[in-house]
C-alpha atoms as a PDB file:
ATOM      1  CA  UNK A   1       7.204 -67.638 -12.300  1.00  0.00           C
ATOM      2  CA  UNK A   2       8.150 -67.135  -8.657  1.00  0.00           C
ATOM      3  CA  UNK A   3       5.630 -66.822  -6.393  1.00  0.00           C
ATOM      4  CA  UNK A   4       7.224 -64.113  -4.231  1.00  0.00           C
ATOM      5  CA  UNK A   5       7.154 -62.158  -8.645  1.00  0.00           C
ATOM      6  CA  UNK A   6       3.808 -62.692  -8.262  1.00  0.00           C
ATOM      7  CA  UNK A   7       2.798 -61.527  -5.346  1.00  0.00           C
ATOM      8  CA  UNK A   8       5.498 -58.272  -6.064  1.00  0.00           C
ATOM      9  CA  UNK A   9       3.551 -57.831  -8.755  1.00  0.00           C
ATOM     10  CA  UNK A  10      -0.214 -57.946  -7.474  1.00  0.00           C
ATOM     11  CA  UNK A  11       1.053 -55.374  -4.506  1.00  0.00           C
ATOM     12  CA  UNK A  12       2.058 -52.644  -7.074  1.00  0.00           C
ATOM     13  CA  UNK A  13      -1.222 -53.098  -9.375  1.00  0.00           C
ATOM     14  CA  UNK A  14      -3.079 -52.873  -5.749  1.00  0.00           C
ATOM     15  CA  UNK A  15      -1.095 -50.374  -5.346  1.00  0.00           C
ATOM     16  CA  UNK A  16      -1.485 -48.052  -8.138  1.00  0.00           C
ATOM     17  CA  UNK A  17      -5.267 -49.008  -8.258  1.00  0.00           C
ATOM     18  CA  UNK A  18      -5.555 -48.095  -4.660  1.00  0.00           C
ATOM     19  CA  UNK A  19      -3.759 -44.061  -5.975  1.00  0.00           C
ATOM     20  CA  UNK A  20      -5.854 -43.706  -9.370  1.00  0.00           C
ATOM     21  CA  UNK A  21      -9.131 -44.723  -7.095  1.00  0.00           C
ATOM     22  CA  UNK A  22      -7.598 -41.796  -4.093  1.00  0.00           C
ATOM     23  CA  UNK A  23      -6.608 -39.670  -6.411  1.00  0.00           C
ATOM     24  CA  UNK A  24     -10.137 -38.977  -8.882  1.00  0.00           C
ATOM     25  CA  UNK A  25     -12.277 -38.970  -5.786  1.00  0.00           C
ATOM     26  CA  UNK A  26     -10.708 -35.841  -4.418  1.00  0.00           C
ATOM     27  CA  UNK A  27     -11.508 -34.898  -7.542  1.00  0.00           C
ATOM     28  CA  UNK A  28      -7.644 -33.787  -8.577  1.00  0.00           C
ATOM     29  CA  UNK A  29      -7.108 -35.650 -11.486  1.00  0.00           C
ATOM     30  CA  UNK A  30      -2.762 -34.786 -12.031  1.00  0.00           C
ATOM     31  CA  UNK A  31      -2.453 -35.412 -15.640  1.00  0.00           C
ATOM     32  CA  UNK A  32      -5.780 -33.256 -16.711  1.00  0.00           C
ATOM     33  CA  UNK A  33      -5.981 -30.553 -13.772  1.00  0.00           C
ATOM     34  CA  UNK A  34      -5.161 -26.850 -15.329  1.00  0.00           C
ATOM     35  CA  UNK A  35      -2.656 -24.585 -12.955  1.00  0.00           C
ATOM     36  CA  UNK A  36      -3.580 -21.473 -10.982  1.00  0.00           C
ATOM     37  CA  UNK A  37      -1.919 -18.550 -12.032  1.00  0.00           C
ATOM     38  CA  UNK A  38       0.063 -17.137  -9.020  1.00  0.00           C
ATOM     39  CA  UNK A  39      -1.789 -13.760  -9.317  1.00  0.00           C
ATOM     40  CA  UNK A  40      -5.326 -12.039  -8.921  1.00  0.00           C
ATOM     41  CA  UNK A  41      -6.807  -9.016  -9.198  1.00  0.00           C
ATOM     42  CA  UNK A  42      -9.858  -7.657  -8.881  1.00  0.00           C
ATOM     43  CA  UNK A  43     -12.200  -4.085  -9.427  1.00  0.00           C
ATOM     44  CA  UNK A  44     -14.765  -3.515  -7.571  1.00  0.00           C
ATOM     45  CA  UNK A  45     -17.845  -0.925  -5.925  1.00  0.00           C
ATOM     46  CA  UNK A  46     -15.992   0.147  -3.045  1.00  0.00           C
ATOM     47  CA  UNK A  47     -19.702  -0.019  -0.964  1.00  0.00           C
ATOM     48  CA  UNK A  48     -22.228  -2.692  -2.003  1.00  0.00           C
ATOM     49  CA  UNK A  49     -25.002  -1.328  -4.186  1.00  0.00           C
ATOM     50  CA  UNK A  50     -23.819  -0.314  -7.293  1.00  0.00           C
ATOM     51  CA  UNK A  51     -23.389  -1.736 -10.128  1.00  0.00           C
ATOM     52  CA  UNK A  52     -21.773  -1.309 -12.821  1.00  0.00           C
ATOM     53  CA  UNK A  53     -24.989  -1.014 -15.289  1.00  0.00           C
ATOM     54  CA  UNK A  54     -26.384   1.647 -12.679  1.00  0.00           C
ATOM     55  CA  UNK A  55     -23.767   4.261 -13.446  1.00  0.00           C
ATOM     56  CA  UNK A  56     -24.361   7.291 -15.848  1.00  0.00           C
ATOM     57  CA  UNK A  57     -21.917   9.227 -16.944  1.00  0.00           C
ATOM     58  CA  UNK A  58     -20.740  12.143 -15.012  1.00  0.00           C
ATOM     59  CA  UNK A  59     -21.544   9.776 -12.227  1.00  0.00           C
ATOM     60  CA  UNK A  60     -18.715   9.459  -9.392  1.00  0.00           C
ATOM     61  CA  UNK A  61     -18.001   6.670  -8.174  1.00  0.00           C
ATOM     62  CA  UNK A  62     -15.415   4.582  -6.040  1.00  0.00           C
ATOM     63  CA  UNK A  63     -13.450   1.587  -7.008  1.00  0.00           C
ATOM     64  CA  UNK A  64     -11.342  -0.745  -4.711  1.00  0.00           C
ATOM     65  CA  UNK A  65      -8.287  -2.603  -7.024  1.00  0.00           C
ATOM     66  CA  UNK A  66      -7.097  -5.468  -4.942  1.00  0.00           C
ATOM     67  CA  UNK A  67      -3.956  -7.879  -6.022  1.00  0.00           C
ATOM     68  CA  UNK A  68      -3.184 -10.723  -4.646  1.00  0.00           C
ATOM     69  CA  UNK A  69       0.230 -13.051  -5.075  1.00  0.00           C
ATOM     70  CA  UNK A  70       0.252 -16.654  -4.250  1.00  0.00           C
ATOM     71  CA  UNK A  71       3.518 -16.231  -4.038  1.00  0.00           C
ATOM     72  CA  UNK A  72       5.812 -14.519  -2.535  1.00  0.00           C
ATOM     73  CA  UNK A  73       7.387 -11.704  -4.347  1.00  0.00           C
ATOM     74  CA  UNK A  74      10.140  -8.623  -4.167  1.00  0.00           C
ATOM     75  CA  UNK A  75       8.437  -6.341  -7.200  1.00  0.00           C
ATOM     76  CA  UNK A  76       5.036  -6.092  -7.671  1.00  0.00           C
ATOM     77  CA  UNK A  77       3.352  -3.880  -9.744  1.00  0.00           C
ATOM     78  CA  UNK A  78      -0.638  -3.024 -10.082  1.00  0.00           C
ATOM     79  CA  UNK A  79      -1.339  -0.602 -12.525  1.00  0.00           C
ATOM     80  CA  UNK A  80      -4.291   1.427 -13.029  1.00  0.00           C
ATOM     81  CA  UNK A  81      -5.575   3.128 -16.620  1.00  0.00           C
ATOM     82  CA  UNK A  82      -8.936   5.171 -16.353  1.00  0.00           C
ATOM     83  CA  UNK A  83     -10.226   6.438 -19.984  1.00  0.00           C
ATOM     84  CA  UNK A  84      -9.131   9.573 -21.433  1.00  0.00           C
ATOM     85  CA  UNK A  85     -11.798  12.269 -20.709  1.00  0.00           C
ATOM     86  CA  UNK A  86     -12.328  10.282 -16.753  1.00  0.00           C
ATOM     87  CA  UNK A  87     -10.823  12.138 -13.871  1.00  0.00           C
ATOM     88  CA  UNK A  88      -9.339  10.709 -10.824  1.00  0.00           C
ATOM     89  CA  UNK A  89     -10.790  12.634  -7.886  1.00  0.00           C
ATOM     90  CA  UNK A  90      -8.903  10.879  -5.547  1.00  0.00           C
ATOM     91  CA  UNK A  91      -6.758   7.937  -5.087  1.00  0.00           C
ATOM     92  CA  UNK A  92      -3.295   6.206  -6.256  1.00  0.00           C
ATOM     93  CA  UNK A  93      -3.425   4.531  -9.864  1.00  0.00           C
ATOM     94  CA  UNK A  94      -0.416   2.071  -9.062  1.00  0.00           C
ATOM     95  CA  UNK A  95       1.618   1.124  -6.549  1.00  0.00           C
ATOM     96  CA  UNK A  96       4.925  -0.590  -6.832  1.00  0.00           C
ATOM     97  CA  UNK A  97       6.615  -3.156  -3.703  1.00  0.00           C
ATOM     98  CA  UNK A  98       7.203  -6.665  -1.841  1.00  0.00           C
ATOM     99  CA  UNK A  99       4.397  -8.873  -0.823  1.00  0.00           C
ATOM    100  CA  UNK A 100       3.980 -11.938   0.868  1.00  0.00           C
ATOM    101  CA  UNK A 101       2.274 -15.060  -0.373  1.00  0.00           C
ATOM    102  CA  UNK A 102      -1.750 -14.566  -0.129  1.00  0.00           C
ATOM    103  CA  UNK A 103      -1.107 -10.419   1.385  1.00  0.00           C
ATOM    104  CA  UNK A 104      -4.134  -8.428  -0.076  1.00  0.00           C
ATOM    105  CA  UNK A 105      -2.501  -4.948  -1.793  1.00  0.00           C
ATOM    106  CA  UNK A 106      -6.020  -2.588  -1.962  1.00  0.00           C
ATOM    107  CA  UNK A 107      -6.547   0.780  -3.783  1.00  0.00           C
ATOM    108  CA  UNK A 108      -8.864   2.634  -3.236  1.00  0.00           C
ATOM    109  CA  UNK A 109      -9.437   5.084  -5.542  1.00  0.00           C
ATOM    110  CA  UNK A 110     -12.696   7.626  -6.604  1.00  0.00           C
ATOM    111  CA  UNK A 111     -13.053   8.563 -10.729  1.00  0.00           C
ATOM    112  CA  UNK A 112     -15.441  10.874 -12.382  1.00  0.00           C
ATOM    113  CA  UNK A 113     -16.913   8.792 -15.368  1.00  0.00           C
ATOM    114  CA  UNK A 114     -16.730  10.394 -18.659  1.00  0.00           C
ATOM    115  CA  UNK A 115     -19.622  12.653 -19.801  1.00  0.00           C
ATOM    116  CA  UNK A 116     -19.554  10.844 -22.815  1.00  0.00           C
ATOM    117  CA  UNK A 117     -19.599   6.937 -23.022  1.00  0.00           C
ATOM    118  CA  UNK A 118     -18.354   5.074 -21.081  1.00  0.00           C
ATOM    119  CA  UNK A 119     -14.847   3.300 -21.246  1.00  0.00           C
ATOM    120  CA  UNK A 120     -13.506   0.856 -19.044  1.00  0.00           C
ATOM    121  CA  UNK A 121     -11.252   1.315 -15.973  1.00  0.00           C
ATOM    122  CA  UNK A 122      -8.735  -1.354 -16.635  1.00  0.00           C
ATOM    123  CA  UNK A 123      -6.428  -2.449 -14.059  1.00  0.00           C
ATOM    124  CA  UNK A 124      -3.242  -5.130 -14.281  1.00  0.00           C
ATOM    125  CA  UNK A 125      -0.930  -5.966 -12.233  1.00  0.00           C
ATOM    126  CA  UNK A 126       2.894  -8.256 -12.342  1.00  0.00           C
ATOM    127  CA  UNK A 127       5.125  -9.876 -11.167  1.00  0.00           C
ATOM    128  CA  UNK A 128       9.010  -9.622 -12.052  1.00  0.00           C
ATOM    129  CA  UNK A 129      11.949 -12.276 -11.694  1.00  0.00           C
ATOM    130  CA  UNK A 130      15.202 -11.501 -12.854  1.00  0.00           C
ATOM    131  CA  UNK A 131      14.372  -8.638 -14.205  1.00  0.00           C
ATOM    132  CA  UNK A 132      11.309  -9.917 -16.784  1.00  0.00           C
ATOM    133  CA  UNK A 133       7.958 -10.389 -16.116  1.00  0.00           C
ATOM    134  CA  UNK A 134       6.903 -13.794 -14.673  1.00  0.00           C
ATOM    135  CA  UNK A 135       3.208 -13.662 -13.773  1.00  0.00           C
ATOM    136  CA  UNK A 136       0.146 -10.605 -15.074  1.00  0.00           C
ATOM    137  CA  UNK A 137      -3.389 -10.839 -14.565  1.00  0.00           C
ATOM    138  CA  UNK A 138      -6.407  -7.810 -15.728  1.00  0.00           C
ATOM    139  CA  UNK A 139      -9.339  -7.088 -14.209  1.00  0.00           C
ATOM    140  CA  UNK A 140     -12.107  -4.780 -16.350  1.00  0.00           C
ATOM    141  CA  UNK A 141     -14.689  -2.757 -14.703  1.00  0.00           C
ATOM    142  CA  UNK A 142     -17.225  -1.170 -17.360  1.00  0.00           C
ATOM    143  CA  UNK A 143     -19.270   1.936 -16.027  1.00  0.00           C
ATOM    144  CA  UNK A 144     -22.486   2.098 -17.093  1.00  0.00           C
ATOM    145  CA  UNK A 145     -22.363  -1.582 -18.855  1.00  0.00           C
ATOM    146  CA  UNK A 146     -25.302  -3.609 -18.225  1.00  0.00           C
ATOM    147  CA  UNK A 147     -25.281  -7.521 -19.036  1.00  0.00           C
ATOM    148  CA  UNK A 148     -27.353  -9.022 -22.229  1.00  0.00           C
ATOM    149  CA  UNK A 149     -29.476 -11.043 -20.700  1.00  0.00           C
ATOM    150  CA  UNK A 150     -29.617 -14.508 -23.490  1.00  0.00           C
ATOM    151  CA  UNK A 151     -33.312 -14.122 -25.570  1.00  0.00           C
ATOM    152  CA  UNK A 152     -35.069 -17.526 -24.699  1.00  0.00           C
ATOM    153  CA  UNK A 153     -36.425 -18.582 -28.187  1.00  0.00           C
ATOM    154  CA  UNK A 154     -39.722 -19.977 -27.715  1.00  0.00           C
ATOM    155  CA  UNK A 155     -40.974 -22.763 -29.547  1.00  0.00           C
ATOM    156  CA  UNK A 156     -43.553 -23.454 -32.107  1.00  0.00           C
ATOM    157  CA  UNK A 157     -46.366 -25.770 -29.819  1.00  0.00           C
ATOM    158  CA  UNK A 158     -47.873 -28.697 -32.098  1.00  0.00           C
ATOM    159  CA  UNK A 159     -50.025 -31.196 -31.150  1.00  0.00           C
ATOM    160  CA  UNK A 160     -50.311 -34.736 -31.895  1.00  0.00           C
ATOM    161  CA  UNK A 161     -53.551 -36.241 -33.674  1.00  0.00           C
ATOM    162  CA  UNK A 162     -55.499 -35.991 -30.142  1.00  0.00           C
ATOM    163  CA  UNK A 163     -54.832 -32.519 -30.111  1.00  0.00           C
ATOM    164  CA  UNK A 164     -52.239 -32.882 -26.512  1.00  0.00           C
ATOM    165  CA  UNK A 165     -49.158 -30.946 -26.791  1.00  0.00           C
ATOM    166  CA  UNK A 166     -45.928 -32.327 -28.058  1.00  0.00           C
ATOM    167  CA  UNK A 167     -42.697 -31.458 -26.468  1.00  0.00           C
ATOM    168  CA  UNK A 168     -39.200 -31.991 -28.884  1.00  0.00           C
ATOM    169  CA  UNK A 169     -36.264 -32.535 -28.124  1.00  0.00           C
ATOM    170  CA  UNK A 170     -33.248 -31.693 -29.899  1.00  0.00           C
END
């Protein structure tokens, strides 16, 4: 084997090792990174304060639906679906139009939640390319929903032969 071939092989191996080291140090894993969809939509209360679990049947809620496309598009659509017994007091439940990359589109809406039950408010956005939906995302807001906390089970205390507490790890 010639010395030139050996030297070129060594340089190639070192370059590959440096590239792999740099990508793992930055947290990027080109083979294992999950691609993020180029669309994002959220529904939240217009003013800080009212949490979904504090909303009672019949209450009026001001919400903001926000949608962001992370690509330029000529055809973005946002639609909001409310429960059948809810009432829209103000605002539009849909929007269609062009959007620039990173531009946030918002739909402020005011809704009277149903008198009975809660029902969820669902927002959906989509981007069309060549007449078909290329990307879509949904968000839900459930007035009156309480988040269930995990109940922590207490383990029975065990004592050793000296009467001291024993902690078991499983």
